[in-house]
Amino acid sequence: MLDIGFPEFLLISFVLLIVVGPKDLPKVLRSISSFVRKIKSMATQFHSGIDDLANEAEISDLRNQVQKLDDKSIMNSEIDELKSFEDDLNINSLKKDINEIKNSNNTKKKSPLKTKKT
């Protein structure tokens, strides 16, 4: 903060004693100390306000990141479900197609044989 050593403090005290006088010196020192306390409290409040704003900004950023992660995981799970559903549909449709082909081949083979026998 202020880099005031003992010699500087002694010089300021001596000048203050001469300018203000010994009679009014306690009043002036009280007013100076109350002024310094007010400034320190205002600086502390300002600093805490800035810290609160920074924390809120960080928290909102974290919330947004978590929301994005949740959205991505939900989207990924839905995509996986759709892929598995698509795979199931393809397998089932392939099985149906194979069965239809087998049935059609069996009926074709049987019908010419039957027609030849008759």
N, C-alpha and C. Protein backbone atom coordinates (compact mmCIF):
# COMPACT_ATOMS: atom_id res chain seq x y z
N MET A 1 0.84 -1.17 0.00
CA MET A 1 0.00 0.00 0.00
C MET A 1 0.89 1.24 0.00
N LEU A 2 0.84 2.04 1.05
CA LEU A 2 1.73 3.20 1.13
C LEU A 2 3.02 2.76 1.80
N ASP A 3 4.10 3.10 1.19
CA ASP A 3 5.39 2.69 1.72
C ASP A 3 5.94 3.85 2.57
N ILE A 4 5.39 3.98 3.77
CA ILE A 4 5.81 5.06 4.67
C ILE A 4 6.63 4.44 5.79
N GLY A 5 7.85 4.87 5.89
CA GLY A 5 8.71 4.41 6.96
C GLY A 5 8.61 5.32 8.17
N PHE A 6 9.41 5.01 9.18
CA PHE A 6 9.38 5.81 10.40
C PHE A 6 9.80 7.26 10.18
N PRO A 7 10.86 7.52 9.41
CA PRO A 7 11.24 8.94 9.20
C PRO A 7 10.15 9.75 8.49
N GLU A 8 9.50 9.16 7.50
CA GLU A 8 8.43 9.88 6.80
C GLU A 8 7.24 10.12 7.73
N PHE A 9 6.91 9.11 8.54
CA PHE A 9 5.82 9.26 9.50
C PHE A 9 6.13 10.36 10.51
N LEU A 10 7.36 10.43 10.98
CA LEU A 10 7.77 11.45 11.94
C LEU A 10 7.68 12.84 11.30
N LEU A 11 8.09 12.96 10.07
CA LEU A 11 8.02 14.25 9.36
C LEU A 11 6.57 14.68 9.18
N ILE A 12 5.68 13.76 8.76
CA ILE A 12 4.27 14.08 8.58
C ILE A 12 3.64 14.49 9.90
N SER A 13 3.98 13.80 10.97
CA SER A 13 3.44 14.13 12.31
C SER A 13 3.90 15.52 12.74
N PHE A 14 5.17 15.84 12.51
CA PHE A 14 5.70 17.15 12.89
C PHE A 14 5.01 18.26 12.11
N VAL A 15 4.82 18.08 10.79
CA VAL A 15 4.16 19.09 9.97
C VAL A 15 2.70 19.23 10.39
N LEU A 16 2.05 18.13 10.68
CA LEU A 16 0.66 18.16 11.12
C LEU A 16 0.52 18.88 12.45
N LEU A 17 1.45 18.65 13.36
CA LEU A 17 1.42 19.31 14.67
C LEU A 17 1.60 20.81 14.51
N ILE A 18 2.47 21.21 13.61
CA ILE A 18 2.70 22.64 13.40
C ILE A 18 1.50 23.28 12.70
N VAL A 19 0.95 22.65 11.68
CA VAL A 19 -0.13 23.24 10.90
C VAL A 19 -1.43 23.27 11.69
N VAL A 20 -1.80 22.16 12.34
CA VAL A 20 -3.08 22.07 13.04
C VAL A 20 -2.99 22.64 14.44
N GLY A 21 -1.93 22.35 15.10
CA GLY A 21 -1.77 22.81 16.48
C GLY A 21 -2.10 21.68 17.44
N PRO A 22 -1.54 21.76 18.64
CA PRO A 22 -1.74 20.67 19.60
C PRO A 22 -3.17 20.58 20.12
N LYS A 23 -3.90 21.67 20.09
CA LYS A 23 -5.25 21.68 20.63
C LYS A 23 -6.22 20.90 19.73
N ASP A 24 -6.15 21.07 18.44
CA ASP A 24 -7.08 20.43 17.49
C ASP A 24 -6.53 19.13 16.89
N LEU A 25 -5.34 18.73 17.27
CA LEU A 25 -4.71 17.54 16.70
C LEU A 25 -5.52 16.25 16.95
N PRO A 26 -6.05 16.00 18.17
CA PRO A 26 -6.83 14.76 18.36
C PRO A 26 -8.08 14.70 17.48
N LYS A 27 -8.77 15.85 17.29
CA LYS A 27 -9.96 15.87 16.43
C LYS A 27 -9.58 15.54 14.98
N VAL A 28 -8.49 16.12 14.51
CA VAL A 28 -8.05 15.90 13.13
C VAL A 28 -7.64 14.44 12.95
N LEU A 29 -6.93 13.87 13.93
CA LEU A 29 -6.52 12.47 13.82
C LEU A 29 -7.72 11.53 13.82
N ARG A 30 -8.74 11.85 14.64
CA ARG A 30 -9.96 11.03 14.63
C ARG A 30 -10.65 11.11 13.27
N SER A 31 -10.76 12.31 12.74
CA SER A 31 -11.43 12.44 11.43
C SER A 31 -10.63 11.75 10.33
N ILE A 32 -9.31 11.83 10.39
CA ILE A 32 -8.47 11.14 9.40
C ILE A 32 -8.62 9.63 9.53
N SER A 33 -8.61 9.13 10.78
CA SER A 33 -8.75 7.68 10.97
C SER A 33 -10.13 7.18 10.53
N SER A 34 -11.18 7.96 10.80
CA SER A 34 -12.52 7.55 10.34
C SER A 34 -12.59 7.59 8.81
N PHE A 35 -11.95 8.58 8.20
CA PHE A 35 -11.91 8.66 6.74
C PHE A 35 -11.19 7.45 6.15
N VAL A 36 -10.06 7.08 6.75
CA VAL A 36 -9.29 5.92 6.27
C VAL A 36 -10.11 4.64 6.44
N ARG A 37 -10.82 4.50 7.57
CA ARG A 37 -11.68 3.32 7.78
C ARG A 37 -12.77 3.24 6.73
N LYS A 38 -13.39 4.39 6.42
CA LYS A 38 -14.44 4.40 5.40
C LYS A 38 -13.88 3.99 4.04
N ILE A 39 -12.72 4.51 3.72
CA ILE A 39 -12.10 4.16 2.43
C ILE A 39 -11.78 2.67 2.39
N LYS A 40 -11.25 2.13 3.49
CA LYS A 40 -10.93 0.70 3.53
C LYS A 40 -12.19 -0.14 3.40
N SER A 41 -13.27 0.26 4.08
CA SER A 41 -14.51 -0.52 3.99
C SER A 41 -15.09 -0.45 2.58
N MET A 42 -15.02 0.72 1.95
CA MET A 42 -15.50 0.85 0.58
C MET A 42 -14.66 -0.01 -0.36
N ALA A 43 -13.36 -0.01 -0.15
CA ALA A 43 -12.49 -0.84 -1.00
C ALA A 43 -12.80 -2.32 -0.79
N THR A 44 -13.05 -2.72 0.45
CA THR A 44 -13.38 -4.12 0.73
C THR A 44 -14.71 -4.49 0.08
N GLN A 45 -15.71 -3.61 0.19
CA GLN A 45 -17.01 -3.87 -0.44
C GLN A 45 -16.88 -3.96 -1.95
N PHE A 46 -16.10 -3.05 -2.51
CA PHE A 46 -15.88 -3.07 -3.96
C PHE A 46 -15.20 -4.36 -4.38
N HIS A 47 -14.18 -4.75 -3.62
CA HIS A 47 -13.45 -5.97 -3.94
C HIS A 47 -14.36 -7.19 -3.82
N SER A 48 -15.17 -7.25 -2.78
CA SER A 48 -16.08 -8.39 -2.61
C SER A 48 -17.15 -8.40 -3.70
N GLY A 49 -17.60 -7.21 -4.11
CA GLY A 49 -18.57 -7.13 -5.21
C GLY A 49 -17.99 -7.65 -6.51
N ILE A 50 -16.75 -7.27 -6.78
CA ILE A 50 -16.07 -7.76 -7.98
C ILE A 50 -15.88 -9.27 -7.90
N ASP A 51 -15.50 -9.78 -6.73
CA ASP A 51 -15.34 -11.22 -6.54
C ASP A 51 -16.67 -11.95 -6.75
N ASP A 52 -17.75 -11.36 -6.23
CA ASP A 52 -19.07 -11.98 -6.41
C ASP A 52 -19.45 -12.03 -7.89
N LEU A 53 -19.19 -10.93 -8.60
CA LEU A 53 -19.48 -10.92 -10.03
C LEU A 53 -18.66 -11.96 -10.78
N ALA A 54 -17.38 -12.06 -10.42
CA ALA A 54 -16.52 -13.05 -11.06
C ALA A 54 -17.01 -14.46 -10.75
N ASN A 55 -17.40 -14.70 -9.50
CA ASN A 55 -17.90 -16.03 -9.13
C ASN A 55 -19.19 -16.35 -9.86
N GLU A 56 -20.08 -15.37 -9.98
CA GLU A 56 -21.33 -15.59 -10.70
C GLU A 56 -21.06 -15.88 -12.17
N ALA A 57 -20.10 -15.16 -12.75
CA ALA A 57 -19.75 -15.40 -14.15
C ALA A 57 -19.17 -16.81 -14.31
N GLU A 58 -18.30 -17.21 -13.38
CA GLU A 58 -17.73 -18.55 -13.46
C GLU A 58 -18.79 -19.61 -13.25
N ILE A 59 -19.70 -19.36 -12.32
CA ILE A 59 -20.77 -20.32 -12.06
C ILE A 59 -21.68 -20.44 -13.27
N SER A 60 -22.01 -19.31 -13.88
CA SER A 60 -22.88 -19.38 -15.05
C SER A 60 -22.17 -20.08 -16.20
N ASP A 61 -20.86 -19.86 -16.35
CA ASP A 61 -20.10 -20.57 -17.38
C ASP A 61 -20.09 -22.07 -17.10
N LEU A 62 -19.89 -22.43 -15.83
CA LEU A 62 -19.92 -23.85 -15.47
C LEU A 62 -21.29 -24.47 -15.72
N ARG A 63 -22.33 -23.72 -15.38
CA ARG A 63 -23.68 -24.22 -15.63
C ARG A 63 -23.91 -24.44 -17.12
N ASN A 64 -23.45 -23.50 -17.93
CA ASN A 64 -23.61 -23.64 -19.38
C ASN A 64 -22.85 -24.85 -19.89
N GLN A 65 -21.63 -25.05 -19.38
CA GLN A 65 -20.85 -26.20 -19.81
C GLN A 65 -21.51 -27.51 -19.39
N VAL A 66 -22.04 -27.54 -18.18
CA VAL A 66 -22.73 -28.74 -17.71
C VAL A 66 -23.97 -28.98 -18.55
N GLN A 67 -24.69 -27.92 -18.86
CA GLN A 67 -25.89 -28.06 -19.69
C GLN A 67 -25.52 -28.59 -21.07
N LYS A 68 -24.43 -28.08 -21.64
CA LYS A 68 -23.99 -28.56 -22.94
C LYS A 68 -23.61 -30.03 -22.86
N LEU A 69 -22.92 -30.41 -21.80
CA LEU A 69 -22.55 -31.81 -21.63
C LEU A 69 -23.79 -32.68 -21.49
N ASP A 70 -24.76 -32.22 -20.70
CA ASP A 70 -25.99 -32.97 -20.55
C ASP A 70 -26.72 -33.10 -21.88
N ASP A 71 -26.77 -31.99 -22.63
CA ASP A 71 -27.43 -32.03 -23.92
C ASP A 71 -26.72 -33.00 -24.87
N LYS A 72 -25.39 -32.97 -24.85
CA LYS A 72 -24.64 -33.87 -25.72
C LYS A 72 -24.85 -35.31 -25.33
N SER A 73 -24.85 -35.59 -24.03
CA SER A 73 -25.04 -36.97 -23.61
C SER A 73 -26.45 -37.44 -23.94
N ILE A 74 -27.43 -36.57 -23.78
CA ILE A 74 -28.81 -36.93 -24.15
C ILE A 74 -28.89 -37.17 -25.65
N MET A 75 -28.29 -36.29 -26.41
CA MET A 75 -28.32 -36.45 -27.86
C MET A 75 -27.59 -37.73 -28.27
N ASN A 76 -26.45 -38.00 -27.66
CA ASN A 76 -25.71 -39.20 -27.99
C ASN A 76 -26.50 -40.46 -27.64
N SER A 77 -27.17 -40.46 -26.50
CA SER A 77 -27.97 -41.64 -26.13
C SER A 77 -29.13 -41.82 -27.10
N GLU A 78 -29.76 -40.72 -27.50
CA GLU A 78 -30.85 -40.82 -28.47
C GLU A 78 -30.34 -41.33 -29.81
N ILE A 79 -29.19 -40.85 -30.22
CA ILE A 79 -28.61 -41.29 -31.49
C ILE A 79 -28.28 -42.78 -31.42
N ASP A 80 -27.73 -43.21 -30.30
CA ASP A 80 -27.43 -44.63 -30.13
C ASP A 80 -28.70 -45.48 -30.17
N GLU A 81 -29.76 -45.01 -29.54
CA GLU A 81 -31.03 -45.74 -29.58
C GLU A 81 -31.57 -45.82 -31.00
N LEU A 82 -31.46 -44.71 -31.73
CA LEU A 82 -31.92 -44.72 -33.11
C LEU A 82 -31.10 -45.67 -33.97
N LYS A 83 -29.80 -45.70 -33.74
CA LYS A 83 -28.95 -46.61 -34.50
C LYS A 83 -29.29 -48.06 -34.20
N SER A 84 -29.50 -48.36 -32.92
CA SER A 84 -29.85 -49.74 -32.58
C SER A 84 -31.22 -50.10 -33.17
N PHE A 85 -32.14 -49.16 -33.14
CA PHE A 85 -33.45 -49.39 -33.73
C PHE A 85 -33.33 -49.61 -35.24
N GLU A 86 -32.47 -48.82 -35.86
CA GLU A 86 -32.25 -48.97 -37.30
C GLU A 86 -31.62 -50.32 -37.60
N ASP A 87 -30.67 -50.73 -36.78
CA ASP A 87 -30.05 -52.03 -36.96
C ASP A 87 -31.07 -53.15 -36.81
N ASP A 88 -31.93 -53.03 -35.80
CA ASP A 88 -32.97 -54.03 -35.60
C ASP A 88 -33.92 -54.09 -36.80
N LEU A 89 -34.28 -52.93 -37.30
CA LEU A 89 -35.16 -52.91 -38.47
C LEU A 89 -34.49 -53.54 -39.67
N ASN A 90 -33.24 -53.27 -39.88
CA ASN A 90 -32.53 -53.84 -41.02
C ASN A 90 -32.43 -55.35 -40.89
N ILE A 91 -32.13 -55.83 -39.71
CA ILE A 91 -32.03 -57.28 -39.51
C ILE A 91 -33.38 -57.93 -39.71
N ASN A 92 -34.41 -57.36 -39.14
CA ASN A 92 -35.74 -57.93 -39.31
C ASN A 92 -36.20 -57.90 -40.76
N SER A 93 -35.94 -56.80 -41.42
CA SER A 93 -36.35 -56.72 -42.82
C SER A 93 -35.54 -57.68 -43.67
N LEU A 94 -34.28 -57.85 -43.35
CA LEU A 94 -33.47 -58.82 -44.08
C LEU A 94 -33.99 -60.24 -43.86
N LYS A 95 -34.34 -60.55 -42.62
CA LYS A 95 -34.89 -61.88 -42.33
C LYS A 95 -36.18 -62.10 -43.09
N LYS A 96 -37.03 -61.09 -43.10
CA LYS A 96 -38.29 -61.21 -43.84
C LYS A 96 -38.03 -61.42 -45.32
N ASP A 97 -37.09 -60.62 -45.85
CA ASP A 97 -36.77 -60.76 -47.27
C ASP A 97 -36.23 -62.15 -47.58
N ILE A 98 -35.37 -62.67 -46.72
CA ILE A 98 -34.82 -64.00 -46.93
C ILE A 98 -35.91 -65.05 -46.86
N ASN A 99 -36.77 -64.91 -45.88
CA ASN A 99 -37.88 -65.87 -45.77
C ASN A 99 -38.80 -65.80 -46.98
N GLU A 100 -39.07 -64.62 -47.46
CA GLU A 100 -39.91 -64.47 -48.64
C GLU A 100 -39.25 -65.10 -49.86
N ILE A 101 -37.95 -64.88 -49.97
CA ILE A 101 -37.22 -65.47 -51.11
C ILE A 101 -37.24 -67.00 -51.00
N LYS A 102 -37.02 -67.51 -49.81
CA LYS A 102 -37.06 -68.96 -49.61
C LYS A 102 -38.44 -69.50 -49.95
N ASN A 103 -39.45 -68.83 -49.46
CA ASN A 103 -40.82 -69.28 -49.72
C ASN A 103 -41.16 -69.21 -51.21
N SER A 104 -40.72 -68.16 -51.83
CA SER A 104 -41.01 -68.04 -53.25
C SER A 104 -40.25 -69.09 -54.04
N ASN A 105 -39.02 -69.39 -53.64
CA ASN A 105 -38.25 -70.43 -54.32
C ASN A 105 -38.87 -71.80 -54.07
N ASN A 106 -39.32 -72.02 -52.86
CA ASN A 106 -39.95 -73.30 -52.55
C ASN A 106 -41.23 -73.48 -53.33
N THR A 107 -42.00 -72.44 -53.42
CA THR A 107 -43.25 -72.55 -54.17
C THR A 107 -42.98 -72.70 -55.66
N LYS A 108 -41.96 -72.05 -56.16
CA LYS A 108 -41.62 -72.16 -57.58
C LYS A 108 -41.12 -73.57 -57.88
N LYS A 109 -40.31 -74.09 -56.99
CA LYS A 109 -39.79 -75.43 -57.21
C LYS A 109 -40.89 -76.48 -57.11
N LYS A 110 -41.78 -76.30 -56.21
CA LYS A 110 -42.87 -77.26 -56.01
C LYS A 110 -43.88 -77.18 -57.15
N SER A 111 -44.17 -76.00 -57.59
CA SER A 111 -45.20 -75.89 -58.60
C SER A 111 -44.76 -76.49 -59.93
N PRO A 112 -43.52 -76.30 -60.39
CA PRO A 112 -43.18 -76.95 -61.65
C PRO A 112 -43.17 -78.46 -61.49
N LEU A 113 -42.76 -78.96 -60.39
CA LEU A 113 -42.75 -80.39 -60.17
C LEU A 113 -44.15 -80.95 -60.17
N LYS A 114 -45.04 -80.26 -59.53
CA LYS A 114 -46.41 -80.68 -59.48
C LYS A 114 -47.04 -80.64 -60.87
N THR A 115 -46.70 -79.62 -61.61
CA THR A 115 -47.28 -79.53 -62.93
C THR A 115 -46.73 -80.63 -63.86
N LYS A 116 -45.49 -81.00 -63.67
CA LYS A 116 -44.91 -82.05 -64.48
C LYS A 116 -45.49 -83.40 -64.12
N LYS A 117 -45.74 -83.62 -62.84
CA LYS A 117 -46.30 -84.88 -62.39
C LYS A 117 -47.74 -85.03 -62.85
N THR A 118 -48.43 -84.02 -62.95
CA THR A 118 -49.82 -84.11 -63.33
C THR A 118 -50.02 -84.03 -64.77
